[in-house]
């Protein structure tokens, strides 16, 4: 559709006056060109203006101003430029500082003295090569991490998955030992990388029905245990684990760190099993200081969204949009996979996160469902549910 035609239709849908239309058209053209038209999952022949016009028509005329105001003033779109910057800062801001801290601790000297100590410099170089980077999903952007650190990190330090078979572990060790000219070398630091953490449940969650924990961290632990059983342990004693997300909600960043801290405190007191999460940690040996698992686990984030970011936060300017997430809702979007987040009504998104967030490669399901959900509507348990039209349609992992 021609953009000017799309804008005229949009003006009619909103019932704007000529003055309002000129002002809004200028903003829409600018944002479409700079950001929104770059969304990867727009269908062929359609871009933001057309998508917005279709999206607004699902609301009654009395609610369209509220819906448009939500997009105009509350929506946050993380484009490729912003995401690339977060990826590029990962190594210098997070990994390099971790290397300095580890070497300083091993040598029992302050970090500022490392730069005047030639032997410490050699330790940093060696430890950098003994660092392994593993992707928790395709959002890890491993190619960008590698390209932005060419000459500093080698291709053999990157793995695009966390569940690795015995042959791959051996290949990684062989390359490490060849580079360091040390036949006994093993990895000392591992980073698991992903793009976004909304609740943290995909990383680590407790399954009440099965009475066990699951998630990407558990699957990685299983891979390490399998490597130890099948052959040579790929990590040296006292190895450390970093879990890095380029972007995270405030709630998720606090929750995942708090869990880890609570587990360490409880186990440090008397080592006895605790309820739920802490009992599992004790039984699995996940947090014990041994070669089977990391001596320390560090969670880091490129950027943490502010605590007031969710639209249901007290005083949030988008509060008027909240009733629309209840009225214009089709319960068919609920699945057994979304129930994992602990919320059955997905109007505010997975886990009830209520985020007004779009990532240029895909919309998180932690965002309010009206932004991403697409349904035909229909009778749901005797109630007629409205069809839901997405503004930024989401590619679902589970159906």
Protein backbone atom coordinates (compact mmCIF):
# COMPACT_ATOMS: atom_id res chain seq x y z
CA UNK A 1 0.00 0.00 0.00
CA UNK A 2 1.20 3.54 -0.80
CA UNK A 3 2.22 5.23 2.46
CA UNK A 4 0.25 8.42 1.76
CA UNK A 5 -2.87 6.35 1.11
CA UNK A 6 -2.25 4.41 4.28
CA UNK A 7 -1.96 7.63 6.26
CA UNK A 8 -5.21 9.00 4.82
CA UNK A 9 -7.00 5.79 5.77
CA UNK A 10 -5.45 5.95 9.22
CA UNK A 11 -6.63 9.55 9.62
CA UNK A 12 -10.18 8.48 8.75
CA UNK A 13 -10.03 5.55 11.19
CA UNK A 14 -8.93 7.90 13.97
CA UNK A 15 -11.20 10.78 12.95
CA UNK A 16 -8.37 13.30 13.15
CA UNK A 17 -8.79 16.95 12.25
CA UNK A 18 -6.50 18.40 9.58
CA UNK A 19 -4.19 19.88 12.21
CA UNK A 20 -4.02 16.65 14.21
CA UNK A 21 -3.47 14.65 11.02
CA UNK A 22 -0.51 16.80 9.92
CA UNK A 23 1.14 16.47 13.31
CA UNK A 24 0.59 12.71 13.60
CA UNK A 25 1.52 12.00 9.98
CA UNK A 26 4.89 13.69 10.48
CA UNK A 27 5.60 11.53 13.54
CA UNK A 28 4.38 8.34 11.87
CA UNK A 29 6.50 8.90 8.75
CA UNK A 30 9.58 9.53 10.87
CA UNK A 31 9.15 6.52 13.16
CA UNK A 32 8.21 4.20 10.30
CA UNK A 33 11.32 5.17 8.36
CA UNK A 34 13.76 5.14 11.29
CA UNK A 35 12.45 2.13 13.19
CA UNK A 36 9.16 0.34 12.73
CA UNK A 37 9.35 -0.51 9.03
CA UNK A 38 12.45 -2.54 9.81
CA UNK A 39 10.51 -5.14 11.80
CA UNK A 40 11.48 -8.49 10.30
CA UNK A 41 8.12 -10.22 10.42
CA UNK A 42 5.94 -7.76 8.54
CA UNK A 43 4.26 -9.60 5.71
CA UNK A 44 5.18 -8.88 2.10
CA UNK A 45 3.73 -5.61 0.85
CA UNK A 46 2.85 -4.34 4.31
CA UNK A 47 4.74 -2.14 6.72
CA UNK A 48 4.04 -0.27 9.92
CA UNK A 49 1.47 2.26 8.68
CA UNK A 50 -0.70 -0.44 7.11
CA UNK A 51 -0.29 -2.70 10.13
CA UNK A 52 -1.27 0.13 12.49
CA UNK A 53 -4.41 0.91 10.48
CA UNK A 54 -5.51 -2.75 10.58
CA UNK A 55 -4.61 -3.07 14.25
CA UNK A 56 -6.63 -0.01 15.31
CA UNK A 57 -9.78 -1.23 13.56
CA UNK A 58 -10.17 -4.12 16.02
CA UNK A 59 -11.04 -1.55 18.71
CA UNK A 60 -14.32 0.29 19.11
CA UNK A 61 -14.12 3.94 18.04
CA UNK A 62 -14.26 4.99 21.68
CA UNK A 63 -11.09 2.97 22.43
CA UNK A 64 -8.98 3.84 19.40
CA UNK A 65 -7.56 7.02 20.88
CA UNK A 66 -6.38 5.05 23.94
CA UNK A 67 -4.85 2.36 21.75
CA UNK A 68 -3.08 4.88 19.51
CA UNK A 69 -1.81 6.82 22.54
CA UNK A 70 -0.30 3.59 23.87
CA UNK A 71 1.66 3.10 20.64
CA UNK A 72 2.54 6.79 20.40
CA UNK A 73 3.81 7.31 23.94
CA UNK A 74 4.54 3.97 25.61
CA UNK A 75 5.82 1.53 22.99
CA UNK A 76 9.57 0.80 23.09
CA UNK A 77 11.17 -0.64 19.96
CA UNK A 78 14.69 -2.07 20.18
CA UNK A 79 16.08 -1.85 16.66
CA UNK A 80 19.14 -3.53 15.13
CA UNK A 81 21.39 -0.59 15.98
CA UNK A 82 20.54 -0.65 19.67
CA UNK A 83 20.81 -4.43 19.86
CA UNK A 84 24.14 -4.49 18.05
CA UNK A 85 25.51 -1.94 20.51
CA UNK A 86 24.47 -4.15 23.43
CA UNK A 87 26.13 -7.13 21.76
CA UNK A 88 29.34 -5.22 21.04
CA UNK A 89 29.61 -4.06 24.66
CA UNK A 90 29.32 -7.59 26.00
CA UNK A 91 32.99 -8.53 25.82
CA UNK A 92 34.68 -5.26 26.93
CA UNK A 93 32.14 -4.43 29.66
CA UNK A 94 31.34 -7.88 31.02
CA UNK A 95 33.79 -10.57 29.97
CA UNK A 96 37.02 -8.56 30.10
CA UNK A 97 36.19 -7.24 33.58
CA UNK A 98 35.47 -10.78 34.73
CA UNK A 99 38.86 -11.93 33.41
CA UNK A 100 40.59 -9.16 35.34
CA UNK A 101 38.79 -10.05 38.55
CA UNK A 102 39.63 -13.73 38.22
CA UNK A 103 43.33 -13.13 37.55
CA UNK A 104 43.55 -10.55 40.34
CA UNK A 105 41.96 -13.02 42.76
CA UNK A 106 44.31 -15.82 41.70
CA UNK A 107 47.34 -13.59 42.20
CA UNK A 108 45.90 -11.90 45.29
CA UNK A 109 46.60 -8.41 43.94
CA UNK A 110 44.35 -5.41 43.16
CA UNK A 111 43.10 -5.25 39.58
CA UNK A 112 44.89 -1.96 38.89
CA UNK A 113 48.24 -3.69 39.44
CA UNK A 114 47.58 -6.23 36.70
CA UNK A 115 48.64 -3.78 34.00
CA UNK A 116 52.10 -3.33 35.44
CA UNK A 117 52.68 -7.04 35.92
CA UNK A 118 53.88 -8.90 32.76
CA UNK A 119 53.07 -12.30 34.23
CA UNK A 120 49.55 -11.16 35.08
CA UNK A 121 49.13 -9.94 31.51
CA UNK A 122 50.06 -13.41 30.29
CA UNK A 123 47.51 -14.89 32.70
CA UNK A 124 44.80 -12.63 31.25
CA UNK A 125 45.64 -13.69 27.70
CA UNK A 126 45.63 -17.34 28.69
CA UNK A 127 42.36 -17.06 30.61
CA UNK A 128 40.76 -15.26 27.69
CA UNK A 129 41.52 -18.25 25.47
CA UNK A 130 40.20 -20.59 28.17
CA UNK A 131 36.83 -18.83 28.00
CA UNK A 132 34.02 -20.55 26.09
CA UNK A 133 30.94 -18.83 24.68
CA UNK A 134 27.73 -20.83 24.20
CA UNK A 135 24.41 -19.69 22.75
CA UNK A 136 21.19 -20.29 24.65
CA UNK A 137 19.23 -19.42 21.49
CA UNK A 138 19.67 -17.80 18.09
CA UNK A 139 19.20 -14.46 19.85
CA UNK A 140 22.73 -14.79 21.26
CA UNK A 141 24.06 -13.13 18.07
CA UNK A 142 27.26 -15.18 18.24
CA UNK A 143 28.33 -13.98 14.80
CA UNK A 144 28.25 -10.35 15.97
CA UNK A 145 30.14 -11.18 19.16
CA UNK A 146 32.78 -12.98 17.13
CA UNK A 147 33.11 -10.31 14.44
CA UNK A 148 33.30 -7.44 16.92
CA UNK A 149 36.16 -9.20 18.75
CA UNK A 150 38.17 -10.43 15.77
CA UNK A 151 41.79 -10.91 16.75
CA UNK A 152 40.84 -11.11 20.43
CA UNK A 153 38.67 -14.25 20.42
CA UNK A 154 38.95 -17.25 18.08
CA UNK A 155 36.22 -19.08 16.20
CA UNK A 156 36.93 -22.20 18.29
CA UNK A 157 35.63 -20.40 21.40
CA UNK A 158 32.06 -20.17 20.10
CA UNK A 159 29.39 -22.87 20.22
CA UNK A 160 25.87 -22.25 18.91
CA UNK A 161 24.21 -24.59 21.44
CA UNK A 162 24.58 -25.66 25.07
CA UNK A 163 23.86 -29.37 24.62
CA UNK A 164 27.09 -30.66 23.14
CA UNK A 165 28.06 -34.26 22.40
CA UNK A 166 31.31 -35.96 23.40
CA UNK A 167 33.01 -35.43 20.03
CA UNK A 168 32.33 -31.70 20.09
CA UNK A 169 33.66 -31.34 23.63
CA UNK A 170 36.81 -33.18 22.60
CA UNK A 171 37.21 -31.01 19.52
CA UNK A 172 36.93 -27.87 21.65
CA UNK A 173 39.55 -29.18 24.06
CA UNK A 174 41.91 -30.19 21.25
CA UNK A 175 41.80 -26.70 19.75
CA UNK A 176 42.31 -25.11 23.16
CA UNK A 177 45.34 -27.26 23.92
CA UNK A 178 46.82 -26.64 20.50
CA UNK A 179 46.51 -22.86 20.88
CA UNK A 180 47.94 -22.81 24.40
CA UNK A 181 50.50 -25.55 23.72
CA UNK A 182 49.34 -27.21 26.91
CA UNK A 183 48.19 -30.87 26.65
CA UNK A 184 46.24 -30.61 29.92
CA UNK A 185 44.46 -27.29 29.35
CA UNK A 186 40.74 -27.06 30.12
CA UNK A 187 38.19 -24.27 30.09
CA UNK A 188 38.06 -22.02 33.13
CA UNK A 189 35.16 -19.71 32.26
CA UNK A 190 31.96 -20.32 30.30
CA UNK A 191 29.37 -17.76 29.18
CA UNK A 192 25.84 -18.74 28.24
CA UNK A 193 24.33 -15.97 26.11
CA UNK A 194 20.80 -14.98 25.13
CA UNK A 195 19.04 -11.86 23.91
CA UNK A 196 16.18 -11.26 26.34
CA UNK A 197 14.97 -12.39 29.76
CA UNK A 198 11.37 -11.52 30.57
CA UNK A 199 10.65 -13.84 33.50
CA UNK A 200 13.65 -16.16 33.69
CA UNK A 201 11.44 -19.28 33.49
CA UNK A 202 12.96 -20.43 30.20
CA UNK A 203 16.34 -20.35 31.92
CA UNK A 204 15.22 -22.04 35.14
CA UNK A 205 11.79 -23.09 36.39
CA UNK A 206 10.25 -25.58 38.77
CA UNK A 207 7.71 -28.08 37.42
CA UNK A 208 5.21 -28.70 40.21
CA UNK A 209 3.60 -31.67 38.49
CA UNK A 210 6.87 -33.51 37.91
CA UNK A 211 8.50 -32.18 41.09
CA UNK A 212 11.64 -31.25 39.28
CA UNK A 213 13.39 -28.26 37.78
CA UNK A 214 13.89 -27.67 34.08
CA UNK A 215 15.08 -24.97 31.71
CA UNK A 216 18.11 -24.07 29.68
CA UNK A 217 20.41 -23.96 32.70
CA UNK A 218 19.39 -27.46 33.73
CA UNK A 219 19.91 -28.77 30.21
CA UNK A 220 23.38 -27.26 30.16
CA UNK A 221 24.13 -28.87 33.51
CA UNK A 222 23.01 -32.21 32.07
CA UNK A 223 25.34 -31.70 29.11
CA UNK A 224 28.25 -31.07 31.46
CA UNK A 225 27.39 -34.15 33.51
CA UNK A 226 27.17 -36.23 30.36
CA UNK A 227 30.56 -34.97 29.19
CA UNK A 228 32.04 -35.96 32.54
CA UNK A 229 30.52 -39.45 32.34
CA UNK A 230 31.36 -40.13 28.69
CA UNK A 231 34.90 -38.88 28.68
CA UNK A 232 37.13 -36.12 29.90
CA UNK A 233 35.70 -33.28 31.96
CA UNK A 234 36.06 -30.16 29.74
CA UNK A 235 36.36 -27.73 32.67
CA UNK A 236 39.07 -27.33 35.24
CA UNK A 237 38.40 -27.38 38.96
CA UNK A 238 36.96 -24.09 40.17
CA UNK A 239 35.61 -23.09 36.75
CA UNK A 240 33.12 -20.26 36.65
CA UNK A 241 29.89 -19.76 34.75
CA UNK A 242 28.50 -16.49 33.41
CA UNK A 243 24.92 -16.17 32.18
CA UNK A 244 24.48 -13.03 30.10
CA UNK A 245 21.37 -11.49 28.56
CA UNK A 246 21.60 -8.40 26.40
CA UNK A 247 18.25 -7.17 27.72
CA UNK A 248 16.13 -8.09 30.74
CA UNK A 249 13.08 -6.96 32.64
CA UNK A 250 13.74 -5.58 36.10
CA UNK A 251 11.67 -8.34 37.72
CA UNK A 252 13.53 -11.14 35.94
CA UNK A 253 16.97 -9.69 36.68
CA UNK A 254 16.17 -9.44 40.38
CA UNK A 255 14.46 -12.83 40.61
CA UNK A 256 17.23 -14.88 39.01
CA UNK A 257 19.95 -13.25 41.11
CA UNK A 258 17.89 -13.51 44.29
CA UNK A 259 17.36 -17.23 43.77
CA UNK A 260 21.04 -17.83 43.38
CA UNK A 261 21.85 -15.74 46.44
CA UNK A 262 19.25 -17.50 48.60
CA UNK A 263 20.58 -20.90 47.56
CA UNK A 264 24.14 -20.01 48.49
CA UNK A 265 23.12 -18.59 51.87
CA UNK A 266 21.02 -21.65 52.74
CA UNK A 267 23.68 -24.15 51.74
CA UNK A 268 26.40 -22.19 53.50
CA UNK A 269 24.51 -22.37 56.81
CA UNK A 270 24.31 -26.14 57.27
CA UNK A 271 24.20 -27.79 53.86
CA UNK A 272 20.81 -29.41 54.52
CA UNK A 273 18.22 -29.67 51.75
CA UNK A 274 15.59 -26.94 51.61
CA UNK A 275 12.15 -26.66 50.09
CA UNK A 276 11.57 -26.53 46.37
CA UNK A 277 14.33 -24.76 44.51
CA UNK A 278 16.87 -25.01 47.30
CA UNK A 279 16.21 -28.73 47.84
CA UNK A 280 16.76 -29.37 44.14
CA UNK A 281 20.00 -27.41 44.21
CA UNK A 282 21.26 -29.47 47.11
CA UNK A 283 20.24 -32.83 45.67
CA UNK A 284 21.55 -32.10 42.18
CA UNK A 285 24.87 -30.78 43.44
CA UNK A 286 24.44 -27.82 41.11
CA UNK A 287 25.92 -25.32 43.53
CA UNK A 288 28.55 -27.50 45.16
CA UNK A 289 32.08 -26.39 44.63
CA UNK A 290 33.44 -29.22 42.52
CA UNK A 291 34.68 -29.87 39.02
CA UNK A 292 31.20 -31.15 38.11
CA UNK A 293 29.66 -27.69 38.32
CA UNK A 294 30.79 -24.09 38.44
CA UNK A 295 32.38 -22.73 41.57
CA UNK A 296 30.58 -19.44 40.96
CA UNK A 297 27.67 -18.37 38.74
CA UNK A 298 27.46 -14.77 37.58
CA UNK A 299 24.37 -13.21 36.01
CA UNK A 300 24.92 -10.13 33.88
CA UNK A 301 22.83 -7.93 31.61
CA UNK A 302 23.56 -5.46 28.87
CA UNK A 303 20.58 -3.37 29.91
CA UNK A 304 17.85 -3.83 32.51
CA UNK A 305 14.51 -2.23 31.76
CA UNK A 306 13.32 0.12 34.55
CA UNK A 307 10.99 -1.13 37.26
CA UNK A 308 8.23 1.23 36.10
CA UNK A 309 8.36 -0.10 32.54
CA UNK A 310 5.45 -2.62 32.76
CA UNK A 311 2.19 -0.85 31.95
CA UNK A 312 0.55 -2.15 35.14
CA UNK A 313 3.19 -0.48 37.31
CA UNK A 314 1.81 2.15 39.73
CA UNK A 315 1.53 5.52 38.01
CA UNK A 316 2.40 4.19 34.55
CA UNK A 317 1.13 6.52 31.83
CA UNK A 318 -0.30 3.58 29.85
CA UNK A 319 -2.71 2.54 32.61
CA UNK A 320 -5.68 3.51 30.42
CA UNK A 321 -4.70 0.72 28.02
CA UNK A 322 -5.03 -1.98 30.69
CA UNK A 323 -8.82 -2.50 30.34
CA UNK A 324 -8.35 -3.09 26.61
CA UNK A 325 -6.10 -6.07 27.34
CA UNK A 326 -9.11 -7.66 29.05
CA UNK A 327 -11.85 -6.63 26.62
CA UNK A 328 -10.04 -7.46 23.38
CA UNK A 329 -8.76 -10.87 24.32
CA UNK A 330 -9.10 -14.35 22.86
CA UNK A 331 -8.30 -17.09 25.45
CA UNK A 332 -7.28 -19.48 22.67
CA UNK A 333 -3.77 -18.02 22.86
CA UNK A 334 -3.31 -19.79 26.18
CA UNK A 335 -1.39 -23.09 25.90
CA UNK A 336 0.35 -25.53 28.21
CA UNK A 337 3.57 -23.72 27.34
CA UNK A 338 2.26 -20.30 28.41
CA UNK A 339 0.98 -21.77 31.70
CA UNK A 340 4.62 -22.28 32.64
CA UNK A 341 4.81 -18.54 33.29
CA UNK A 342 2.32 -18.88 36.15
CA UNK A 343 -0.42 -16.73 34.54
CA UNK A 344 -3.37 -18.21 32.65
CA UNK A 345 -4.83 -14.96 31.27
CA UNK A 346 -2.34 -13.69 28.73
CA UNK A 347 -3.75 -10.22 28.22
CA UNK A 348 -0.59 -8.77 29.75
CA UNK A 349 1.61 -11.34 28.07
CA UNK A 350 3.51 -14.39 29.26
CA UNK A 351 3.99 -14.32 33.01
CA UNK A 352 1.85 -11.18 33.24
CA UNK A 353 4.94 -9.10 32.46
CA UNK A 354 2.88 -6.30 30.83
CA UNK A 355 5.77 -5.06 28.71
CA UNK A 356 5.23 -2.53 25.88
CA UNK A 357 8.31 -3.93 24.15
CA UNK A 358 9.18 -4.87 20.58
CA UNK A 359 12.48 -6.42 19.46
CA UNK A 360 13.17 -5.93 15.77
CA UNK A 361 13.68 -9.65 15.10
CA UNK A 362 10.58 -10.82 17.01
CA UNK A 363 8.12 -9.59 19.60
CA UNK A 364 8.56 -11.19 23.06
CA UNK A 365 5.47 -12.98 24.33
CA UNK A 366 6.15 -11.14 27.61
CA UNK A 367 4.76 -8.05 25.88
CA UNK A 368 1.04 -7.29 26.10
CA UNK A 369 -0.78 -9.77 23.87
CA UNK A 370 -2.54 -7.11 21.77
CA UNK A 371 0.82 -6.22 20.27
CA UNK A 372 1.62 -9.69 18.92
CA UNK A 373 -1.30 -12.11 19.11
CA UNK A 374 -3.22 -13.18 15.99
CA UNK A 375 -6.48 -15.15 16.23
CA UNK A 376 -9.75 -15.53 14.32
CA UNK A 377 -11.96 -15.16 17.37
CA UNK A 378 -14.96 -17.39 18.04
CA UNK A 379 -16.92 -19.12 20.77
CA UNK A 380 -14.77 -20.03 23.75
CA UNK A 381 -16.71 -21.97 26.39
CA UNK A 382 -19.95 -20.19 25.49
CA UNK A 383 -18.37 -16.74 25.23
CA UNK A 384 -17.75 -14.98 21.92
CA UNK A 385 -14.09 -13.95 21.87
CA UNK A 386 -13.02 -11.16 19.51
CA UNK A 387 -10.40 -11.76 16.82
CA UNK A 388 -7.00 -10.36 17.73
CA UNK A 389 -4.97 -8.51 15.12
CA UNK A 390 -1.23 -8.04 15.78
CA UNK A 391 0.62 -4.79 15.36
CA UNK A 392 3.93 -6.67 15.24
CA UNK A 393 3.08 -10.32 14.60
CA UNK A 394 5.15 -12.80 16.54
CA UNK A 395 6.81 -15.97 15.33
CA UNK A 396 5.74 -18.52 17.91
CA UNK A 397 8.09 -21.20 19.22
CA UNK A 398 5.21 -23.37 20.42
CA UNK A 399 1.75 -23.92 18.99
